[in-house]
Amino acid sequence: IANITRDGTVNYADSVKGRFTISRDNAKNTGYLQMNDLKPEDT
């Protein structure tokens, strides 16, 4: 669906571009995927 490299480069599947955002918080050792405008096909 999405990935982010060590240098911060992000990639998204065409089906989620403009709707999903991948991010990370190094201080919290946590990654995130913000999903907006969800569709049934995202199930």
Full PDB file with SEQRES, HELIX, SHEET, SSBOND, CRYST1, ORIGX, SCALE, CONECT and MASTER records, all heavy atoms in Angstrom:
SEQRES   1 A   43  ILE ALA ASN ILE THR ARG ASP GLY THR VAL ASN TYR ALA          
SEQRES   2 A   43  ASP SER VAL LYS GLY ARG PHE THR ILE SER ARG ASP ASN          
SEQRES   3 A   43  ALA LYS ASN THR GLY TYR LEU GLN MET ASN ASP LEU LYS          
SEQRES   4 A   43  PRO GLU ASP THR                                              
HELIX    1 AA1 ASP A   14  VAL A   16  5                                   3    
HELIX    2 AA2 ASN A   26  LYS A   28  5                                   3    
HELIX    3 AA3 PRO A   40  ASP A   42  5                                   3    
SHEET    1 AA1 2 ALA A   2  ILE A   4  0                                        
SHEET    2 AA1 2 VAL A  10  TYR A  12 -1                                        
SHEET    1 AA2 2 PHE A  20  ASP A  25  0                                        
SHEET    2 AA2 2 THR A  30  MET A  35 -1                                        
CRYST1    1.000    1.000    1.000  90.00  90.00  90.00 P 1           1          
ORIGX1      1.000000  0.000000  0.000000        0.00000                         
ORIGX2      0.000000  1.000000  0.000000        0.00000                         
ORIGX3      0.000000  0.000000  1.000000        0.00000                         
SCALE1      1.000000  0.000000  0.000000        0.00000                         
SCALE2      0.000000  1.000000  0.000000        0.00000                         
SCALE3      0.000000  0.000000  1.000000        0.00000                         
ATOM      1  N   ILE A   1       0.828  -1.191   0.000  1.00  0.00           N  
ATOM      2  CA  ILE A   1       0.000   0.000   0.000  1.00  0.00           C  
ATOM      3  C   ILE A   1       0.874   1.256   0.000  1.00  0.00           C  
ATOM      4  O   ILE A   1       0.644   2.193  -0.769  1.00  0.00           O  
ATOM      5  CB  ILE A   1      -0.950   0.024   1.208  1.00  0.00           C  
ATOM      6  CG1 ILE A   1      -1.915  -1.164   1.141  1.00  0.00           C  
ATOM      7  CG2 ILE A   1      -1.712   1.343   1.273  1.00  0.00           C  
ATOM      8  CD1 ILE A   1      -2.772  -1.180  -0.108  1.00  0.00           C  
ATOM      9  N   ALA A   2       1.868   1.269   0.858  1.00  0.00           N  
ATOM     10  CA  ALA A   2       2.763   2.416   0.965  1.00  0.00           C  
ATOM     11  C   ALA A   2       4.017   1.996   1.701  1.00  0.00           C  
ATOM     12  O   ALA A   2       3.986   1.077   2.520  1.00  0.00           O  
ATOM     13  CB  ALA A   2       2.087   3.578   1.703  1.00  0.00           C  
ATOM     14  N   ASN A   3       5.117   2.656   1.405  1.00  0.00           N  
ATOM     15  CA  ASN A   3       6.322   2.437   2.178  1.00  0.00           C  
ATOM     16  C   ASN A   3       7.140   3.713   2.219  1.00  0.00           C  
ATOM     17  O   ASN A   3       6.941   4.627   1.420  1.00  0.00           O  
ATOM     18  CB  ASN A   3       7.148   1.246   1.658  1.00  0.00           C  
ATOM     19  CG  ASN A   3       7.540   1.365   0.199  1.00  0.00           C  
ATOM     20  OD1 ASN A   3       8.025   2.407  -0.245  1.00  0.00           O  
ATOM     21  ND2 ASN A   3       7.364   0.277  -0.551  1.00  0.00           N  
ATOM     22  N   ILE A   4       8.052   3.744   3.167  1.00  0.00           N  
ATOM     23  CA  ILE A   4       8.933   4.894   3.344  1.00  0.00           C  
ATOM     24  C   ILE A   4      10.327   4.368   3.621  1.00  0.00           C  
ATOM     25  O   ILE A   4      10.524   3.471   4.447  1.00  0.00           O  
ATOM     26  CB  ILE A   4       8.425   5.823   4.469  1.00  0.00           C  
ATOM     27  CG1 ILE A   4       9.349   7.028   4.633  1.00  0.00           C  
ATOM     28  CG2 ILE A   4       8.262   5.063   5.784  1.00  0.00           C  
ATOM     29  CD1 ILE A   4       8.759   8.121   5.524  1.00  0.00           C  
ATOM     30  N   THR A   5      11.303   4.918   2.922  1.00  0.00           N  
ATOM     31  CA  THR A   5      12.678   4.467   3.049  1.00  0.00           C  
ATOM     32  C   THR A   5      13.404   5.236   4.140  1.00  0.00           C  
ATOM     33  O   THR A   5      12.881   6.194   4.717  1.00  0.00           O  
ATOM     34  CB  THR A   5      13.428   4.622   1.722  1.00  0.00           C  
ATOM     35  OG1 THR A   5      13.498   6.008   1.366  1.00  0.00           O  
ATOM     36  CG2 THR A   5      12.720   3.857   0.612  1.00  0.00           C  
ATOM     37  N   ARG A   6      14.630   4.819   4.396  1.00  0.00           N  
ATOM     38  CA  ARG A   6      15.426   5.437   5.439  1.00  0.00           C  
ATOM     39  C   ARG A   6      15.617   6.929   5.218  1.00  0.00           C  
ATOM     40  O   ARG A   6      15.626   7.715   6.175  1.00  0.00           O  
ATOM     41  CB  ARG A   6      16.785   4.741   5.532  1.00  0.00           C  
ATOM     42  CG  ARG A   6      17.693   5.233   6.638  1.00  0.00           C  
ATOM     43  CD  ARG A   6      18.992   4.469   6.622  1.00  0.00           C  
ATOM     44  NE  ARG A   6      19.668   4.594   5.339  1.00  0.00           N  
ATOM     45  CZ  ARG A   6      20.716   3.870   4.963  1.00  0.00           C  
ATOM     46  NH1 ARG A   6      21.198   2.945   5.783  1.00  0.00           N  
ATOM     47  NH2 ARG A   6      21.261   4.061   3.778  1.00  0.00           N  
ATOM     48  N   ASP A   7      15.758   7.331   3.955  1.00  0.00           N  
ATOM     49  CA  ASP A   7      15.987   8.740   3.654  1.00  0.00           C  
ATOM     50  C   ASP A   7      14.703   9.543   3.523  1.00  0.00           C  
ATOM     51  O   ASP A   7      14.749  10.725   3.182  1.00  0.00           O  
ATOM     52  CB  ASP A   7      16.834   8.882   2.391  1.00  0.00           C  
ATOM     53  CG  ASP A   7      16.124   8.410   1.138  1.00  0.00           C  
ATOM     54  OD1 ASP A   7      14.985   7.918   1.238  1.00  0.00           O  
ATOM     55  OD2 ASP A   7      16.708   8.532   0.051  1.00  0.00           O  
ATOM     56  N   GLY A   8      13.553   8.918   3.778  1.00  0.00           N  
ATOM     57  CA  GLY A   8      12.298   9.638   3.765  1.00  0.00           C  
ATOM     58  C   GLY A   8      11.516   9.566   2.479  1.00  0.00           C  
ATOM     59  O   GLY A   8      10.449  10.193   2.372  1.00  0.00           O  
ATOM     60  N   THR A   9      12.003   8.832   1.498  1.00  0.00           N  
ATOM     61  CA  THR A   9      11.278   8.685   0.246  1.00  0.00           C  
ATOM     62  C   THR A   9      10.031   7.828   0.457  1.00  0.00           C  
ATOM     63  O   THR A   9      10.105   6.753   1.050  1.00  0.00           O  
ATOM     64  CB  THR A   9      12.165   8.043  -0.825  1.00  0.00           C  
ATOM     65  OG1 THR A   9      13.324   8.852  -1.033  1.00  0.00           O  
ATOM     66  CG2 THR A   9      11.409   7.908  -2.139  1.00  0.00           C  
ATOM     67  N   VAL A  10       8.903   8.305  -0.021  1.00  0.00           N  
ATOM     68  CA  VAL A  10       7.640   7.593   0.159  1.00  0.00           C  
ATOM     69  C   VAL A  10       7.123   7.110  -1.182  1.00  0.00           C  
ATOM     70  O   VAL A  10       7.354   7.727  -2.225  1.00  0.00           O  
ATOM     71  CB  VAL A  10       6.584   8.467   0.856  1.00  0.00           C  
ATOM     72  CG1 VAL A  10       7.058   8.860   2.245  1.00  0.00           C  
ATOM     73  CG2 VAL A  10       6.287   9.717   0.037  1.00  0.00           C  
ATOM     74  N   ASN A  11       6.416   5.999  -1.136  1.00  0.00           N  
ATOM     75  CA  ASN A  11       5.801   5.413  -2.317  1.00  0.00           C  
ATOM     76  C   ASN A  11       4.404   4.945  -1.954  1.00  0.00           C  
ATOM     77  O   ASN A  11       4.173   4.438  -0.858  1.00  0.00           O  
ATOM     78  CB  ASN A  11       6.623   4.225  -2.835  1.00  0.00           C  
ATOM     79  CG  ASN A  11       8.023   4.613  -3.242  1.00  0.00           C  
ATOM     80  OD1 ASN A  11       8.239   5.127  -4.332  1.00  0.00           O  
ATOM     81  ND2 ASN A  11       8.986   4.384  -2.347  1.00  0.00           N  
ATOM     82  N   TYR A  12       3.470   5.104  -2.895  1.00  0.00           N  
ATOM     83  CA  TYR A  12       2.091   4.706  -2.674  1.00  0.00           C  
ATOM     84  C   TYR A  12       1.572   3.899  -3.847  1.00  0.00           C  
ATOM     85  O   TYR A  12       1.931   4.152  -5.002  1.00  0.00           O  
ATOM     86  CB  TYR A  12       1.181   5.929  -2.498  1.00  0.00           C  
ATOM     87  CG  TYR A  12       1.489   6.781  -1.300  1.00  0.00           C  
ATOM     88  CD1 TYR A  12       2.281   7.918  -1.415  1.00  0.00           C  
ATOM     89  CD2 TYR A  12       0.972   6.452  -0.051  1.00  0.00           C  
ATOM     90  CE1 TYR A  12       2.559   8.700  -0.311  1.00  0.00           C  
ATOM     91  CE2 TYR A  12       1.252   7.241   1.056  1.00  0.00           C  
ATOM     92  CZ  TYR A  12       2.041   8.360   0.923  1.00  0.00           C  
ATOM     93  OH  TYR A  12       2.312   9.139   2.022  1.00  0.00           O  
ATOM     94  N   ALA A  13       0.717   2.947  -3.522  1.00  0.00           N  
ATOM     95  CA  ALA A  13      -0.020   2.280  -4.573  1.00  0.00           C  
ATOM     96  C   ALA A  13      -0.957   3.279  -5.236  1.00  0.00           C  
ATOM     97  O   ALA A  13      -1.471   4.193  -4.590  1.00  0.00           O  
ATOM     98  CB  ALA A  13      -0.817   1.107  -4.006  1.00  0.00           C  
ATOM     99  N   ASP A  14      -1.177   3.106  -6.534  1.00  0.00           N  
ATOM    100  CA  ASP A  14      -2.025   4.041  -7.263  1.00  0.00           C  
ATOM    101  C   ASP A  14      -3.415   4.167  -6.647  1.00  0.00           C  
ATOM    102  O   ASP A  14      -4.013   5.244  -6.660  1.00  0.00           O  
ATOM    103  CB  ASP A  14      -2.149   3.620  -8.722  1.00  0.00           C  
ATOM    104  CG  ASP A  14      -0.875   3.828  -9.508  1.00  0.00           C  
ATOM    105  OD1 ASP A  14      -0.007   4.610  -9.054  1.00  0.00           O  
ATOM    106  OD2 ASP A  14      -0.741   3.227 -10.589  1.00  0.00           O  
ATOM    107  N   SER A  15      -3.921   3.086  -6.102  1.00  0.00           N  
ATOM    108  CA  SER A  15      -5.278   3.076  -5.580  1.00  0.00           C  
ATOM    109  C   SER A  15      -5.469   3.940  -4.339  1.00  0.00           C  
ATOM    110  O   SER A  15      -6.600   4.266  -3.984  1.00  0.00           O  
ATOM    111  CB  SER A  15      -5.717   1.640  -5.272  1.00  0.00           C  
ATOM    112  OG  SER A  15      -4.898   1.067  -4.272  1.00  0.00           O  
ATOM    113  N   VAL A  16      -4.371   4.316  -3.669  1.00  0.00           N  
ATOM    114  CA  VAL A  16      -4.493   5.083  -2.430  1.00  0.00           C  
ATOM    115  C   VAL A  16      -3.847   6.454  -2.515  1.00  0.00           C  
ATOM    116  O   VAL A  16      -3.925   7.222  -1.547  1.00  0.00           O  
ATOM    117  CB  VAL A  16      -3.908   4.312  -1.228  1.00  0.00           C  
ATOM    118  CG1 VAL A  16      -4.552   2.935  -1.120  1.00  0.00           C  
ATOM    119  CG2 VAL A  16      -2.394   4.196  -1.336  1.00  0.00           C  
ATOM    120  N   LYS A  17      -3.239   6.790  -3.629  1.00  0.00           N  
ATOM    121  CA  LYS A  17      -2.604   8.092  -3.775  1.00  0.00           C  
ATOM    122  C   LYS A  17      -3.626   9.206  -3.578  1.00  0.00           C  
ATOM    123  O   LYS A  17      -4.720   9.170  -4.125  1.00  0.00           O  
ATOM    124  CB  LYS A  17      -1.948   8.223  -5.144  1.00  0.00           C  
ATOM    125  CG  LYS A  17      -0.685   7.408  -5.303  1.00  0.00           C  
ATOM    126  CD  LYS A  17      -0.063   7.615  -6.679  1.00  0.00           C  
ATOM    127  CE  LYS A  17       1.222   6.826  -6.819  1.00  0.00           C  
ATOM    128  NZ  LYS A  17       1.815   6.966  -8.171  1.00  0.00           N  
ATOM    129  N   GLY A  18      -3.240  10.187  -2.781  1.00  0.00           N  
ATOM    130  CA  GLY A  18      -4.120  11.300  -2.496  1.00  0.00           C  
ATOM    131  C   GLY A  18      -5.061  11.065  -1.339  1.00  0.00           C  
ATOM    132  O   GLY A  18      -5.716  12.009  -0.884  1.00  0.00           O  
ATOM    133  N   ARG A  19      -5.140   9.826  -0.863  1.00  0.00           N  
ATOM    134  CA  ARG A  19      -6.042   9.504   0.241  1.00  0.00           C  
ATOM    135  C   ARG A  19      -5.295   9.015   1.486  1.00  0.00           C  
ATOM    136  O   ARG A  19      -5.718   9.300   2.600  1.00  0.00           O  
ATOM    137  CB  ARG A  19      -7.047   8.433  -0.179  1.00  0.00           C  
ATOM    138  CG  ARG A  19      -7.951   8.849  -1.327  1.00  0.00           C  
ATOM    139  CD  ARG A  19      -9.060   7.834  -1.556  1.00  0.00           C  
ATOM    140  NE  ARG A  19      -8.543   6.521  -1.952  1.00  0.00           N  
ATOM    141  CZ  ARG A  19      -8.742   5.398  -1.271  1.00  0.00           C  
ATOM    142  NH1 ARG A  19      -9.455   5.425  -0.148  1.00  0.00           N  
ATOM    143  NH2 ARG A  19      -8.249   4.243  -1.714  1.00  0.00           N  
ATOM    144  N   PHE A  20      -4.211   8.288   1.290  1.00  0.00           N  
ATOM    145  CA  PHE A  20      -3.448   7.723   2.405  1.00  0.00           C  
ATOM    146  C   PHE A  20      -2.122   8.460   2.552  1.00  0.00           C  
ATOM    147  O   PHE A  20      -1.532   8.911   1.560  1.00  0.00           O  
ATOM    148  CB  PHE A  20      -3.150   6.241   2.175  1.00  0.00           C  
ATOM    149  CG  PHE A  20      -4.343   5.325   2.245  1.00  0.00           C  
ATOM    150  CD1 PHE A  20      -5.639   5.819   2.273  1.00  0.00           C  
ATOM    151  CD2 PHE A  20      -4.152   3.955   2.287  1.00  0.00           C  
ATOM    152  CE1 PHE A  20      -6.734   4.976   2.331  1.00  0.00           C  
ATOM    153  CE2 PHE A  20      -5.234   3.098   2.346  1.00  0.00           C  
ATOM    154  CZ  PHE A  20      -6.521   3.599   2.370  1.00  0.00           C  
ATOM    155  N   THR A  21      -1.644   8.537   3.789  1.00  0.00           N  
ATOM    156  CA  THR A  21      -0.357   9.148   4.072  1.00  0.00           C  
ATOM    157  C   THR A  21       0.419   8.275   5.044  1.00  0.00           C  
ATOM    158  O   THR A  21      -0.084   7.944   6.119  1.00  0.00           O  
ATOM    159  CB  THR A  21      -0.511  10.552   4.673  1.00  0.00           C  
ATOM    160  OG1 THR A  21      -1.270  11.383   3.784  1.00  0.00           O  
ATOM    161  CG2 THR A  21       0.863  11.188   4.889  1.00  0.00           C  
ATOM    162  N   ILE A  22       1.633   7.908   4.661  1.00  0.00           N  
ATOM    163  CA  ILE A  22       2.494   7.127   5.535  1.00  0.00           C  
ATOM    164  C   ILE A  22       3.466   8.071   6.234  1.00  0.00           C  
ATOM    165  O   ILE A  22       3.956   9.038   5.637  1.00  0.00           O  
ATOM    166  CB  ILE A  22       3.245   6.037   4.744  1.00  0.00           C  
ATOM    167  CG1 ILE A  22       4.014   5.112   5.693  1.00  0.00           C  
ATOM    168  CG2 ILE A  22       4.170   6.641   3.697  1.00  0.00           C  
ATOM    169  CD1 ILE A  22       4.609   3.885   5.002  1.00  0.00           C  
ATOM    170  N   SER A  23       3.742   7.804   7.495  1.00  0.00           N  
ATOM    171  CA  SER A  23       4.655   8.640   8.256  1.00  0.00           C  
ATOM    172  C   SER A  23       5.269   7.826   9.381  1.00  0.00           C  
ATOM    173  O   SER A  23       4.869   6.683   9.633  1.00  0.00           O  
ATOM    174  CB  SER A  23       3.948   9.880   8.821  1.00  0.00           C  
ATOM    175  OG  SER A  23       2.923   9.514   9.722  1.00  0.00           O  
ATOM    176  N   ARG A  24       6.226   8.410  10.062  1.00  0.00           N  
ATOM    177  CA  ARG A  24       6.869   7.742  11.176  1.00  0.00           C  
ATOM    178  C   ARG A  24       7.301   8.764  12.215  1.00  0.00           C  
ATOM    179  O   ARG A  24       7.563   9.923  11.900  1.00  0.00           O  
ATOM    180  CB  ARG A  24       8.072   6.927  10.704  1.00  0.00           C  
ATOM    181  CG  ARG A  24       9.161   7.778  10.060  1.00  0.00           C  
ATOM    182  CD  ARG A  24      10.221   6.931   9.410  1.00  0.00           C  
ATOM    183  NE  ARG A  24      11.221   7.748   8.740  1.00  0.00           N  
ATOM    184  CZ  ARG A  24      12.117   7.291   7.889  1.00  0.00           C  
ATOM    185  NH1 ARG A  24      12.141   6.000   7.591  1.00  0.00           N  
ATOM    186  NH2 ARG A  24      12.989   8.106   7.331  1.00  0.00           N  
ATOM    187  N   ASP A  25       7.380   8.316  13.453  1.00  0.00           N  
ATOM    188  CA  ASP A  25       7.848   9.134  14.559  1.00  0.00           C  
ATOM    189  C   ASP A  25       8.980   8.357  15.213  1.00  0.00           C  
ATOM    190  O   ASP A  25       8.737   7.425  15.983  1.00  0.00           O  
ATOM    191  CB  ASP A  25       6.725   9.414  15.548  1.00  0.00           C  
ATOM    192  CG  ASP A  25       7.126  10.399  16.629  1.00  0.00           C  
ATOM    193  OD1 ASP A  25       8.316  10.467  16.982  1.00  0.00           O  
ATOM    194  OD2 ASP A  25       6.237  11.112  17.141  1.00  0.00           O  
ATOM    195  N   ASN A  26      10.191   8.728  14.899  1.00  0.00           N  
ATOM    196  CA  ASN A  26      11.345   7.982  15.390  1.00  0.00           C  
ATOM    197  C   ASN A  26      11.444   7.995  16.919  1.00  0.00           C  
ATOM    198  O   ASN A  26      11.854   7.008  17.526  1.00  0.00           O  
ATOM    199  CB  ASN A  26      12.631   8.543  14.784  1.00  0.00           C  
ATOM    200  CG  ASN A  26      12.737   8.287  13.300  1.00  0.00           C  
ATOM    201  OD1 ASN A  26      12.150   7.341  12.772  1.00  0.00           O  
ATOM    202  ND2 ASN A  26      13.493   9.128  12.605  1.00  0.00           N  
ATOM    203  N   ALA A  27      11.076   9.110  17.534  1.00  0.00           N  
ATOM    204  CA  ALA A  27      11.154   9.218  18.985  1.00  0.00           C  
ATOM    205  C   ALA A  27      10.225   8.233  19.675  1.00  0.00           C  
ATOM    206  O   ALA A  27      10.493   7.800  20.797  1.00  0.00           O  
ATOM    207  CB  ALA A  27      10.843  10.641  19.429  1.00  0.00           C  
ATOM    208  N   LYS A  28       9.125   7.890  19.028  1.00  0.00           N  
ATOM    209  CA  LYS A  28       8.151   6.969  19.596  1.00  0.00           C  
ATOM    210  C   LYS A  28       8.280   5.556  19.041  1.00  0.00           C  
ATOM    211  O   LYS A  28       7.512   4.674  19.430  1.00  0.00           O  
ATOM    212  CB  LYS A  28       6.735   7.470  19.351  1.00  0.00           C  
ATOM    213  CG  LYS A  28       6.419   8.798  20.017  1.00  0.00           C  
ATOM    214  CD  LYS A  28       4.984   9.226  19.737  1.00  0.00           C  
ATOM    215  CE  LYS A  28       4.659  10.536  20.428  1.00  0.00           C  
ATOM    216  NZ  LYS A  28       3.266  10.972  20.158  1.00  0.00           N  
ATOM    217  N   ASN A  29       9.230   5.343  18.135  1.00  0.00           N  
ATOM    218  CA  ASN A  29       9.393   4.041  17.491  1.00  0.00           C  
ATOM    219  C   ASN A  29       8.075   3.548  16.895  1.00  0.00           C  
ATOM    220  O   ASN A  29       7.706   2.383  17.042  1.00  0.00           O  
ATOM    221  CB  ASN A  29       9.945   3.006  18.472  1.00  0.00           C  
ATOM    222  CG  ASN A  29      11.420   3.192  18.762  1.00  0.00           C  
ATOM    223  OD1 ASN A  29      12.145   3.830  18.004  1.00  0.00           O  
ATOM    224  ND2 ASN A  29      11.875   2.623  19.871  1.00  0.00           N  
ATOM    225  N   THR A  30       7.388   4.451  16.237  1.00  0.00           N  
ATOM    226  CA  THR A  30       6.061   4.151  15.721  1.00  0.00           C  
ATOM    227  C   THR A  30       5.895   4.672  14.303  1.00  0.00           C  
ATOM    228  O   THR A  30       6.304   5.794  13.993  1.00  0.00           O  
ATOM    229  CB  THR A  30       4.977   4.760  16.616  1.00  0.00           C  
ATOM    230  OG1 THR A  30       5.128   4.266  17.955  1.00  0.00           O  
ATOM    231  CG2 THR A  30       3.588   4.385  16.116  1.00  0.00           C  
ATOM    232  N   GLY A  31       5.287   3.864  13.462  1.00  0.00           N  
ATOM    233  CA  GLY A  31       4.909   4.273  12.129  1.00  0.00           C  
ATOM    234  C   GLY A  31       3.405   4.416  12.043  1.00  0.00           C  
ATOM    235  O   GLY A  31       2.666   3.837  12.852  1.00  0.00           O  
ATOM    236  N   TYR A  32       2.951   5.179  11.057  1.00  0.00           N  
ATOM    237  CA  TYR A  32       1.525   5.459  10.937  1.00  0.00           C  
ATOM    238  C   TYR A  32       1.076   5.350   9.489  1.00  0.00           C  
ATOM    239  O   TYR A  32       1.858   5.516   8.550  1.00  0.00           O  
ATOM    240  CB  TYR A  32       1.198   6.872  11.433  1.00  0.00           C  
ATOM    241  CG  TYR A  32       1.613   7.141  12.852  1.00  0.00           C  
ATOM    242  CD1 TYR A  32       2.841   7.743  13.130  1.00  0.00           C  
ATOM    243  CD2 TYR A  32       0.787   6.803  13.913  1.00  0.00           C  
ATOM    244  CE1 TYR A  32       3.229   7.992  14.433  1.00  0.00           C  
ATOM    245  CE2 TYR A  32       1.165   7.048  15.217  1.00  0.00           C  
ATOM    246  CZ  TYR A  32       2.387   7.647  15.472  1.00  0.00           C  
ATOM    247  OH  TYR A  32       2.764   7.894  16.772  1.00  0.00           O  
ATOM    248  N   LEU A  33      -0.197   5.085   9.334  1.00  0.00           N  
ATOM    249  CA  LEU A  33      -0.850   5.173   8.045  1.00  0.00           C  
ATOM    250  C   LEU A  33      -2.166   5.900   8.248  1.00  0.00           C  
ATOM    251  O   LEU A  33      -3.105   5.345   8.826  1.00  0.00           O  
ATOM    252  CB  LEU A  33      -1.096   3.791   7.429  1.00  0.00           C  
ATOM    253  CG  LEU A  33      -1.706   3.808   6.029  1.00  0.00           C  
ATOM    254  CD1 LEU A  33      -0.699   4.349   5.011  1.00  0.00           C  
ATOM    255  CD2 LEU A  33      -2.180   2.417   5.614  1.00  0.00           C  
ATOM    256  N   GLN A  34      -2.222   7.147   7.806  1.00  0.00           N  
ATOM    257  CA  GLN A  34      -3.448   7.920   7.867  1.00  0.00           C  
ATOM    258  C   GLN A  34      -4.267   7.605   6.629  1.00  0.00           C  
ATOM    259  O   GLN A  34      -3.793   7.780   5.507  1.00  0.00           O  
ATOM    260  CB  GLN A  34      -3.141   9.418   7.929  1.00  0.00           C  
ATOM    261  CG  GLN A  34      -4.376  10.312   7.937  1.00  0.00           C  
ATOM    262  CD  GLN A  34      -5.195  10.167   9.194  1.00  0.00           C  
ATOM    263  OE1 GLN A  34      -4.658  10.174  10.290  1.00  0.00           O  
ATOM    264  NE2 GLN A  34      -6.503  10.022   9.040  1.00  0.00           N  
ATOM    265  N   MET A  35      -5.489   7.151   6.821  1.00  0.00           N  
ATOM    266  CA  MET A  35      -6.351   6.742   5.731  1.00  0.00           C  
ATOM    267  C   MET A  35      -7.590   7.627   5.722  1.00  0.00           C  
ATOM    268  O   MET A  35      -8.370   7.613   6.671  1.00  0.00           O  
ATOM    269  CB  MET A  35      -6.750   5.273   5.867  1.00  0.00           C  
ATOM    270  CG  MET A  35      -5.562   4.325   6.004  1.00  0.00           C  
ATOM    271  SD  MET A  35      -6.043   2.577   5.995  1.00  0.00           S  
ATOM    272  CE  MET A  35      -7.015   2.521   7.506  1.00  0.00           C  
ATOM    273  N   ASN A  36      -7.754   8.379   4.652  1.00  0.00           N  
ATOM    274  CA  ASN A  36      -8.899   9.268   4.488  1.00  0.00           C  
ATOM    275  C   ASN A  36      -9.738   8.841   3.298  1.00  0.00           C  
ATOM    276  O   ASN A  36      -9.264   8.147   2.404  1.00  0.00           O  
ATOM    277  CB  ASN A  36      -8.436  10.713   4.296  1.00  0.00           C  
ATOM    278  CG  ASN A  36      -7.677  11.263   5.472  1.00  0.00           C  
ATOM    279  OD1 ASN A  36      -7.974  10.945   6.626  1.00  0.00           O  
ATOM    280  ND2 ASN A  36      -6.689  12.113   5.196  1.00  0.00           N  
ATOM    281  N   ASP A  37     -10.988   9.292   3.297  1.00  0.00           N  
ATOM    282  CA  ASP A  37     -11.906   8.979   2.203  1.00  0.00           C  
ATOM    283  C   ASP A  37     -11.901   7.484   1.899  1.00  0.00           C  
ATOM    284  O   ASP A  37     -11.734   7.059   0.751  1.00  0.00           O  
ATOM    285  CB  ASP A  37     -11.537   9.779   0.959  1.00  0.00           C  
ATOM    286  CG  ASP A  37     -12.609   9.715  -0.116  1.00  0.00           C  
ATOM    287  OD1 ASP A  37     -13.781   9.453   0.214  1.00  0.00           O  
ATOM    288  OD2 ASP A  37     -12.274   9.935  -1.300  1.00  0.00           O  
ATOM    289  N   LEU A  38     -12.096   6.694   2.924  1.00  0.00           N  
ATOM    290  CA  LEU A  38     -12.044   5.245   2.771  1.00  0.00           C  
ATOM    291  C   LEU A  38     -13.162   4.732   1.869  1.00  0.00           C  
ATOM    292  O   LEU A  38     -14.275   5.262   1.873  1.00  0.00           O  
ATOM    293  CB  LEU A  38     -12.113   4.575   4.134  1.00  0.00           C  
ATOM    294  CG  LEU A  38     -10.806   4.637   4.932  1.00  0.00           C  
ATOM    295  CD1 LEU A  38     -11.065   4.370   6.408  1.00  0.00           C  
ATOM    296  CD2 LEU A  38      -9.806   3.634   4.373  1.00  0.00           C  
ATOM    297  N   LYS A  39     -12.846   3.706   1.125  1.00  0.00           N  
ATOM    298  CA  LYS A  39     -13.769   3.081   0.197  1.00  0.00           C  
ATOM    299  C   LYS A  39     -13.942   1.609   0.561  1.00  0.00           C  
ATOM    300  O   LYS A  39     -13.059   1.016   1.182  1.00  0.00           O  
ATOM    301  CB  LYS A  39     -13.245   3.200  -1.239  1.00  0.00           C  
ATOM    302  CG  LYS A  39     -12.942   4.624  -1.673  1.00  0.00           C  
ATOM    303  CD  LYS A  39     -12.360   4.650  -3.079  1.00  0.00           C  
ATOM    304  CE  LYS A  39     -11.994   6.072  -3.490  1.00  0.00           C  
ATOM    305  NZ  LYS A  39     -13.188   6.961  -3.520  1.00  0.00           N  
ATOM    306  N   PRO A  40     -15.054   0.995   0.175  1.00  0.00           N  
ATOM    307  CA  PRO A  40     -15.232  -0.432   0.456  1.00  0.00           C  
ATOM    308  C   PRO A  40     -14.082  -1.289  -0.056  1.00  0.00           C  
ATOM    309  O   PRO A  40     -13.741  -2.303   0.563  1.00  0.00           O  
ATOM    310  CB  PRO A  40     -16.545  -0.770  -0.259  1.00  0.00           C  
ATOM    311  CG  PRO A  40     -17.311   0.510  -0.231  1.00  0.00           C  
ATOM    312  CD  PRO A  40     -16.274   1.581  -0.420  1.00  0.00           C  
ATOM    313  N   GLU A  41     -13.465  -0.888  -1.150  1.00  0.00           N  
ATOM    314  CA  GLU A  41     -12.346  -1.625  -1.716  1.00  0.00           C  
ATOM    315  C   GLU A  41     -11.107  -1.594  -0.827  1.00  0.00           C  
ATOM    316  O   GLU A  41     -10.170  -2.367  -1.061  1.00  0.00           O  
ATOM    317  CB  GLU A  41     -11.998  -1.075  -3.104  1.00  0.00           C  
ATOM    318  CG  GLU A  41     -13.074  -1.302  -4.161  1.00  0.00           C  
ATOM    319  CD  GLU A  41     -14.276  -0.381  -4.012  1.00  0.00           C  
ATOM    320  OE1 GLU A  41     -14.124   0.720  -3.436  1.00  0.00           O  
ATOM    321  OE2 GLU A  41     -15.369  -0.766  -4.459  1.00  0.00           O  
ATOM    322  N   ASP A  42     -11.094  -0.719   0.169  1.00  0.00           N  
ATOM    323  CA  ASP A  42      -9.978  -0.656   1.107  1.00  0.00           C  
ATOM    324  C   ASP A  42     -10.068  -1.712   2.199  1.00  0.00           C  
ATOM    325  O   ASP A  42      -9.148  -1.848   3.006  1.00  0.00           O  
ATOM    326  CB  ASP A  42      -9.898   0.726   1.761  1.00  0.00           C  
ATOM    327  CG  ASP A  42      -9.597   1.827   0.764  1.00  0.00           C  
ATOM    328  OD1 ASP A  42      -8.761   1.611  -0.139  1.00  0.00           O  
ATOM    329  OD2 ASP A  42     -10.195   2.923   0.886  1.00  0.00           O  
ATOM    330  N   THR A  43     -11.161  -2.432   2.245  1.00  0.00           N  
ATOM    331  CA  THR A  43     -11.359  -3.455   3.266  1.00  0.00           C  
ATOM    332  C   THR A  43     -10.281  -4.530   3.183  1.00  0.00           C  
ATOM    333  O   THR A  43      -9.935  -4.995   2.097  1.00  0.00           O  
ATOM    334  CB  THR A  43     -12.742  -4.100   3.121  1.00  0.00           C  
ATOM    335  OG1 THR A  43     -13.751  -3.127   3.416  1.00  0.00           O  
ATOM    336  CG2 THR A  43     -12.904  -5.276   4.074  1.00  0.00           C  
TER     337      THR A  43                                                      
MASTER        0    0    0    3    4    0    0    6  336    1    0    4          
END                                                                             
